[in-house]
Protein backbone atom coordinates (compact mmCIF):
# COMPACT_ATOMS: atom_id res chain seq x y z
CA UNK A 1 62.05 1.51 11.69
CA UNK A 2 58.62 2.36 10.38
CA UNK A 3 55.66 1.50 12.57
CA UNK A 4 51.96 2.04 12.52
CA UNK A 5 51.46 5.00 14.82
CA UNK A 6 47.77 4.26 15.22
CA UNK A 7 48.50 0.69 16.31
CA UNK A 8 51.11 1.93 18.77
CA UNK A 9 48.67 4.47 20.18
CA UNK A 10 46.13 1.67 20.69
CA UNK A 11 48.80 -0.33 22.51
CA UNK A 12 49.56 2.60 24.79
CA UNK A 13 45.86 3.04 25.54
CA UNK A 14 45.50 -0.67 26.31
CA UNK A 15 48.52 -0.82 28.59
CA UNK A 16 47.77 2.49 30.27
CA UNK A 17 50.21 5.34 30.75
CA UNK A 18 52.78 4.95 33.47
CA UNK A 19 52.77 7.58 36.20
CA UNK A 20 56.17 8.86 35.21
CA UNK A 21 55.74 9.20 31.45
CA UNK A 22 53.97 12.27 30.18
CA UNK A 23 54.06 13.86 26.74
CA UNK A 24 55.92 17.08 26.27
CA UNK A 25 54.04 20.02 27.69
CA UNK A 26 51.89 17.90 30.02
CA UNK A 27 51.57 18.47 33.72
CA UNK A 28 54.67 17.56 35.62
CA UNK A 29 57.03 18.37 32.74
CA UNK A 30 59.12 21.28 33.93
CA UNK A 31 60.31 23.51 31.13
CA UNK A 32 62.87 26.05 32.25
CA UNK A 33 61.76 29.55 31.44
CA UNK A 34 64.00 32.46 30.67
CA UNK A 35 63.97 34.97 33.48
CA UNK A 36 65.36 38.50 33.36
CA UNK A 37 68.98 38.84 34.32
CA UNK A 38 69.54 40.10 37.82
CA UNK A 39 72.62 42.08 38.77
CA UNK A 40 75.36 40.14 40.51
CA UNK A 41 76.28 41.11 44.06
CA UNK A 42 78.88 43.79 44.53
CA UNK A 43 82.46 42.88 45.14
CA UNK A 44 84.34 39.82 43.89
CA UNK A 45 81.82 37.33 42.54
CA UNK A 46 82.12 33.73 43.69
CA UNK A 47 79.39 32.64 41.27
CA UNK A 48 80.67 33.16 37.72
CA UNK A 49 78.01 33.38 35.02
CA UNK A 50 77.86 31.06 32.06
CA UNK A 51 79.91 31.78 28.98
CA UNK A 52 76.87 32.55 26.82
CA UNK A 53 76.41 36.28 26.50
CA UNK A 54 73.13 37.59 27.85
CA UNK A 55 72.21 34.36 29.67
CA UNK A 56 71.11 34.55 33.32
CA UNK A 57 73.97 33.83 35.74
CA UNK A 58 74.18 30.22 36.88
CA UNK A 59 76.29 28.26 39.36
CA UNK A 60 77.49 24.69 39.46
CA UNK A 61 75.49 22.09 41.37
CA UNK A 62 78.15 21.70 44.05
CA UNK A 63 78.22 25.46 44.67
CA UNK A 64 74.42 25.60 44.81
CA UNK A 65 74.36 22.78 47.36
CA UNK A 66 76.80 24.63 49.62
CA UNK A 67 74.82 27.87 49.40
CA UNK A 68 71.59 26.07 50.29
CA UNK A 69 73.20 24.17 53.17
CA UNK A 70 72.50 20.73 51.67
CA UNK A 71 74.64 17.65 51.38
CA UNK A 72 75.30 16.36 47.90
CA UNK A 73 72.79 13.51 48.24
CA UNK A 74 70.14 15.85 49.65
CA UNK A 75 70.67 18.31 46.81
CA UNK A 76 70.41 15.59 44.14
CA UNK A 77 67.20 14.32 45.72
CA UNK A 78 65.76 17.85 45.84
CA UNK A 79 66.49 18.22 42.14
CA UNK A 80 64.92 14.84 41.39
CA UNK A 81 61.76 15.76 43.30
CA UNK A 82 61.50 19.13 41.58
CA UNK A 83 62.19 21.12 44.73
CA UNK A 84 65.14 22.78 42.96
CA UNK A 85 65.03 23.47 39.23
CA UNK A 86 68.10 23.16 37.03
CA UNK A 87 68.87 24.31 33.50
CA UNK A 88 71.04 22.89 30.75
CA UNK A 89 74.63 24.07 30.51
CA UNK A 90 75.21 25.97 27.23
CA UNK A 91 78.73 24.52 27.13
CA UNK A 92 77.37 20.96 27.20
CA UNK A 93 78.41 20.08 30.75
CA UNK A 94 76.28 19.04 33.70
CA UNK A 95 73.09 20.95 34.39
CA UNK A 96 73.45 24.11 36.45
CA UNK A 97 71.32 26.18 38.83
CA UNK A 98 70.30 29.74 38.14
CA UNK A 99 71.01 32.42 40.68
CA UNK A 100 67.33 33.32 40.75
CA UNK A 101 66.41 29.74 41.65
CA UNK A 102 68.75 29.84 44.65
CA UNK A 103 67.16 33.11 45.77
CA UNK A 104 63.69 31.59 45.38
CA UNK A 105 64.54 28.57 47.54
CA UNK A 106 66.14 30.77 50.19
CA UNK A 107 62.98 32.89 50.38
CA UNK A 108 60.84 29.87 51.27
CA UNK A 109 59.33 29.95 54.79
CA UNK A 110 61.41 28.10 57.36
CA UNK A 111 64.50 27.82 55.16
CA UNK A 112 66.75 25.82 55.48
CA UNK A 113 65.01 23.41 57.90
CA UNK A 114 61.88 23.21 55.78
CA UNK A 115 63.89 22.22 52.71
CA UNK A 116 65.83 19.55 54.60
CA UNK A 117 62.59 18.10 55.99
CA UNK A 118 61.15 17.79 52.50
CA UNK A 119 64.10 15.72 51.26
CA UNK A 120 64.70 13.64 54.39
CA UNK A 121 64.71 9.88 53.76
CA UNK A 122 64.38 6.90 56.11
CA UNK A 123 64.99 3.18 55.80
CA UNK A 124 62.74 0.28 56.67
CA UNK A 125 63.32 0.33 60.43
CA UNK A 126 62.92 4.10 60.85
CA UNK A 127 59.99 4.16 58.45
CA UNK A 128 58.20 1.44 60.40
CA UNK A 129 58.78 3.30 63.65
CA UNK A 130 57.44 6.49 62.07
CA UNK A 131 54.26 4.71 60.94
CA UNK A 132 53.99 2.75 64.23
CA UNK A 133 54.01 -0.65 62.53
CA UNK A 134 56.43 -3.56 62.50
CA UNK A 135 59.31 -3.64 59.99
CA UNK A 136 57.86 -6.84 58.52
CA UNK A 137 54.54 -5.12 57.80
CA UNK A 138 56.36 -2.12 56.36
CA UNK A 139 58.29 -4.40 53.99
CA UNK A 140 55.09 -6.15 52.87
CA UNK A 141 53.45 -2.82 52.08
CA UNK A 142 56.48 -1.75 50.07
CA UNK A 143 56.69 -5.04 48.16
CA UNK A 144 52.99 -4.80 47.30
CA UNK A 145 53.50 -1.34 45.82
CA UNK A 146 51.71 0.63 48.53
CA UNK A 147 54.88 2.50 49.48
CA UNK A 148 57.19 3.79 46.78
CA UNK A 149 60.93 4.12 47.45
CA UNK A 150 62.65 7.30 46.40
CA UNK A 151 66.28 6.16 46.63
CA UNK A 152 68.34 3.02 47.08
CA UNK A 153 71.93 1.91 47.38
CA UNK A 154 73.96 -1.29 47.56
CA UNK A 155 75.67 -1.76 50.92
CA UNK A 156 78.93 -3.50 51.67
CA UNK A 157 77.17 -6.86 51.82
CA UNK A 158 75.77 -6.29 48.31
CA UNK A 159 72.25 -5.99 49.64
CA UNK A 160 69.87 -3.37 48.25
CA UNK A 161 68.78 -0.81 50.86
CA UNK A 162 65.59 1.02 49.93
CA UNK A 163 64.96 4.55 51.21
CA UNK A 164 61.62 6.31 51.47
CA UNK A 165 60.65 9.94 51.70
CA UNK A 166 59.70 10.77 55.29
CA UNK A 167 57.22 13.40 54.14
CA UNK A 168 55.32 10.82 52.09
CA UNK A 169 55.22 8.31 54.94
CA UNK A 170 53.75 10.93 57.26
CA UNK A 171 51.09 11.82 54.74
CA UNK A 172 50.24 8.16 54.19
CA UNK A 173 49.92 7.53 57.93
CA UNK A 174 47.69 10.56 58.42
CA UNK A 175 45.31 9.48 55.64
CA UNK A 176 42.09 7.84 56.81
CA UNK A 177 42.10 5.45 53.84
CA UNK A 178 45.34 3.83 55.00
CA UNK A 179 44.05 2.73 58.39
CA UNK A 180 42.98 -0.68 57.09
CA UNK A 181 46.51 -1.26 55.75
CA UNK A 182 48.25 -0.28 58.97
CA UNK A 183 46.13 -2.24 61.45
CA UNK A 184 44.44 -5.60 61.46
CA UNK A 185 44.50 -8.19 58.72
CA UNK A 186 45.72 -7.07 55.29
CA UNK A 187 43.20 -7.08 52.41
CA UNK A 188 42.89 -10.33 50.46
CA UNK A 189 44.14 -8.86 47.20
CA UNK A 190 47.30 -7.59 48.85
CA UNK A 191 47.90 -10.95 50.54
CA UNK A 192 47.45 -12.79 47.22
CA UNK A 193 50.03 -10.63 45.48
CA UNK A 194 52.55 -11.15 48.26
CA UNK A 195 52.00 -14.92 48.23
CA UNK A 196 52.78 -14.91 44.51
CA UNK A 197 56.15 -13.30 45.25
CA UNK A 198 55.31 -9.84 43.94
CA UNK A 199 57.91 -7.15 44.62
CA UNK A 200 57.09 -3.79 43.05
CA UNK A 201 59.75 -1.73 44.78
CA UNK A 202 62.10 -1.68 41.79
CA UNK A 203 59.32 -1.02 39.28
CA UNK A 204 57.87 1.84 41.34
CA UNK A 205 61.31 3.37 41.71
CA UNK A 206 61.89 3.11 37.94
CA UNK A 207 58.59 4.86 37.32
CA UNK A 208 59.61 7.72 39.60
CA UNK A 209 63.11 7.85 38.15
CA UNK A 210 61.76 7.96 34.59
CA UNK A 211 59.62 10.95 35.52
CA UNK A 212 62.70 12.73 36.80
CA UNK A 213 64.61 11.98 33.58
CA UNK A 214 61.77 13.29 31.45
CA UNK A 215 61.54 16.50 33.46
CA UNK A 216 65.23 17.06 32.80
CA UNK A 217 64.87 16.39 29.06
CA UNK A 218 64.46 19.39 26.79
CA UNK A 219 64.70 17.58 23.46
CA UNK A 220 62.75 14.69 21.84
CA UNK A 221 65.94 12.69 21.41
CA UNK A 222 66.72 13.12 25.11
CA UNK A 223 63.20 12.01 26.04
CA UNK A 224 63.58 8.95 23.83
CA UNK A 225 66.92 8.19 25.48
CA UNK A 226 65.28 8.45 28.92
CA UNK A 227 62.86 5.65 28.05
CA UNK A 228 65.54 3.66 26.23
CA UNK A 229 67.77 3.71 29.32
CA UNK A 230 65.25 1.49 31.13
CA UNK A 231 65.13 -1.16 28.38
CA UNK A 232 67.62 -3.98 28.00
CA UNK A 233 69.75 -3.95 24.81
CA UNK A 234 67.70 -6.73 23.17
CA UNK A 235 64.43 -4.86 23.62
CA UNK A 236 66.02 -1.63 22.40
CA UNK A 237 67.42 -3.28 19.26
CA UNK A 238 63.95 -4.57 18.41
CA UNK A 239 62.40 -1.13 18.82
CA UNK A 240 65.19 0.91 17.18
CA UNK A 241 66.51 -0.98 14.16
CA UNK A 242 68.83 1.76 12.91
CA UNK A 243 72.28 1.29 14.53
CA UNK A 244 73.08 4.99 14.21
CA UNK A 245 69.92 5.92 16.08
CA UNK A 246 70.74 3.38 18.81
CA UNK A 247 74.24 4.80 19.12
CA UNK A 248 72.83 8.31 19.40
CA UNK A 249 70.37 7.23 22.11
CA UNK A 250 73.16 5.51 24.03
CA UNK A 251 75.21 8.69 23.87
CA UNK A 252 72.30 10.70 25.28
CA UNK A 253 71.55 8.25 28.08
CA UNK A 254 71.75 9.65 31.63
CA UNK A 255 74.82 9.12 33.75
CA UNK A 256 75.18 5.63 35.24
CA UNK A 257 74.13 5.20 38.86
CA UNK A 258 77.37 3.48 39.82
CA UNK A 259 81.03 3.88 39.00
CA UNK A 260 81.81 0.21 39.63
CA UNK A 261 83.41 -1.96 36.97
CA UNK A 262 80.95 -3.14 34.29
CA UNK A 263 81.20 -6.84 35.21
CA UNK A 264 81.38 -6.40 38.98
CA UNK A 265 78.64 -7.83 41.24
CA UNK A 266 77.54 -4.31 42.17
CA UNK A 267 77.08 -3.36 38.51
CA UNK A 268 74.97 -6.45 37.92
CA UNK A 269 72.71 -5.54 40.83
CA UNK A 270 72.36 -1.96 39.58
CA UNK A 271 71.61 -3.17 36.04
CA UNK A 272 68.94 -5.52 37.34
CA UNK A 273 67.17 -2.72 39.22
CA UNK A 274 67.30 -0.09 36.46
CA UNK A 275 66.14 -2.48 33.69
CA UNK A 276 62.42 -3.02 33.16
CA UNK A 277 61.30 -6.62 33.68
CA UNK A 278 57.50 -6.45 33.94
CA UNK A 279 55.66 -7.21 30.65
CA UNK A 280 53.29 -4.25 30.99
CA UNK A 281 56.14 -1.93 31.88
CA UNK A 282 58.20 -3.14 28.90
CA UNK A 283 55.26 -2.71 26.53
CA UNK A 284 54.70 0.84 27.71
CA UNK A 285 58.38 1.75 27.44
CA UNK A 286 58.65 0.32 23.92
CA UNK A 287 55.58 2.22 22.76
CA UNK A 288 56.83 5.41 24.43
CA UNK A 289 60.23 5.16 22.73
CA UNK A 290 58.64 4.57 19.32
CA UNK A 291 56.28 7.53 19.61
CA UNK A 292 59.01 9.83 20.91
CA UNK A 293 61.36 8.75 18.12
CA UNK A 294 58.77 9.75 15.54
CA UNK A 295 58.82 13.26 16.97
CA UNK A 296 62.62 13.28 17.20
CA UNK A 297 63.06 12.20 13.57
CA UNK A 298 60.86 15.05 12.42
CA UNK A 299 63.06 17.46 14.36
CA UNK A 300 66.40 16.17 13.02
CA UNK A 301 67.91 12.84 11.97
CA UNK A 302 70.41 10.98 14.09
CA UNK A 303 74.04 11.82 13.21
CA UNK A 304 75.73 9.35 10.90
CA UNK A 305 78.89 9.32 8.78
CA UNK A 306 78.69 10.79 5.30
CA UNK A 307 78.08 8.53 2.34
CA UNK A 308 80.03 9.77 -0.76
CA UNK A 309 78.59 9.02 -4.22
CA UNK A 310 79.52 5.75 -5.94
CA UNK A 311 81.21 5.98 -9.30
CA UNK A 312 80.98 2.93 -11.59
CA UNK A 313 83.81 1.76 -13.85
CA UNK A 314 83.11 0.21 -17.31
CA UNK A 315 81.76 -3.30 -16.96
CA UNK A 316 82.91 -5.77 -19.65
CA UNK A 317 80.48 -8.34 -18.25
CA UNK A 318 77.12 -6.58 -17.77
CA UNK A 319 75.46 -9.81 -16.67
CA UNK A 320 77.45 -9.81 -13.44
CA UNK A 321 76.53 -7.73 -10.42
CA UNK A 322 79.30 -5.36 -9.41
CA UNK A 323 81.20 -6.07 -6.20
CA UNK A 324 82.35 -2.95 -4.31
CA UNK A 325 85.96 -2.82 -3.16
CA UNK A 326 87.57 -0.09 -1.09
CA UNK A 327 90.19 2.22 -2.54
CA UNK A 328 92.95 0.20 -0.90
CA UNK A 329 92.45 -2.38 -3.70
CA UNK A 330 91.60 -0.04 -6.59
CA UNK A 331 94.35 1.98 -8.23
CA UNK A 332 93.67 5.54 -9.28
CA UNK A 333 90.67 6.12 -7.00
CA UNK A 334 90.36 9.35 -5.06
CA UNK A 335 90.89 9.24 -1.27
CA UNK A 336 87.75 8.16 0.53
CA UNK A 337 86.05 7.10 -2.73
CA UNK A 338 84.43 3.72 -3.33
CA UNK A 339 84.31 2.25 -6.85
CA UNK A 340 82.83 -0.84 -8.46
CA UNK A 341 85.43 -3.40 -9.47
CA UNK A 342 83.91 -6.05 -11.74
CA UNK A 343 85.03 -9.65 -11.28
CA UNK A 344 85.41 -11.96 -14.30
CA UNK A 345 83.10 -14.99 -14.60
CA UNK A 346 83.96 -17.84 -12.27
CA UNK A 347 87.06 -15.97 -11.10
CA UNK A 348 89.04 -16.56 -14.38
CA UNK A 349 91.67 -14.15 -15.63
CA UNK A 350 90.65 -11.78 -18.48
CA UNK A 351 90.81 -13.12 -22.05
CA UNK A 352 93.50 -11.79 -24.49
CA UNK A 353 92.53 -8.80 -26.61
CA UNK A 354 93.00 -8.46 -30.41
CA UNK A 355 96.77 -7.77 -30.07
CA UNK A 356 97.25 -10.97 -28.12
CA UNK A 357 97.91 -9.17 -24.88
CA UNK A 358 96.00 -9.81 -21.77
CA UNK A 359 94.25 -6.96 -20.09
CA UNK A 360 96.19 -5.88 -17.05
CA UNK A 361 94.44 -7.38 -14.01
CA UNK A 362 93.14 -4.83 -11.55
CA UNK A 363 92.19 -4.78 -7.94
CA UNK A 364 92.21 -8.06 -6.04
CA UNK A 365 93.34 -10.16 -9.03
CA UNK A 366 96.35 -7.93 -9.58
CA UNK A 367 97.35 -8.43 -5.99
CA UNK A 368 96.84 -12.21 -6.24
CA UNK A 369 98.95 -12.40 -9.41
CA UNK A 370 101.80 -10.56 -7.70
CA UNK A 371 101.57 -12.97 -4.79
CA UNK A 372 101.87 -15.96 -7.10
CA UNK A 373 104.92 -14.58 -8.93
């Protein structure tokens, strides 16, 4: 798909950049740096290095979580927030954690309690109690976009439970600018949005989640796949017309957030939350994918099957356009080769030659003649 980059850039400027999308090299984009290799501890090593020679030793995410005293959910949240940096696995597996990063986190003041406090999450009831407001007011603030959830899950009753970072709620409560939102009558603009049925919790979470995906992306194709993962298939097909490029983006998409069956009620709820539905959000994502694809195409094309050259056979009827047939219907063709088999006018059999013999029918007509006899 060829687009006018200048027009797209004007669209991005009109819509305004989302908080989670930043170009490569901008602030907030964490690029793992190569650090000098440190010697492994003496004795039997329980943290085997990667297979690449000369690379700094790394450990799996589960092993890193155990060493840092974090539960799996706490560790994943710390990675998402940038508290713990990960690097790509040279073997192509899940991202890993360098030994030096574990040492850096352990050296932080107050470890491990300080790390746990920075990734602690609360629900609506606990968050309202922390901010000394009612749960109803807390929900209204979250629906209006004042409070941004950091996690969510679907409970046994198939209801979405939103979780918020305790550290952010404390900072919001301590801010003098938030006093008017926590006490008294809510501002008119906020009340108007709520009366219109506005609920920005999913959109704000997607914005934060997209930022995490981009920080984990080290390649333009991966960054394009991060934005494409938030678009529905119809929107993506309009932006990326090439089916091979769409297939490549789908292959690079992040892991799904649920292991439920594709058509289960839980999967439908998850799909609804992770798919952009706001017009401004969709416009920004489309423009972001187009611009990132331009950079990715300059780096390398999307993989696609090879296209062998086409060899043409003599055409007794030059006025007719050739019709390609696969080798299964053309005798004498090389394996994997496509040739042009010319059809007679109006589907008639070939005329007799000077000796009175008909030219041996080839291809489809030869097969049809055998069927008739």
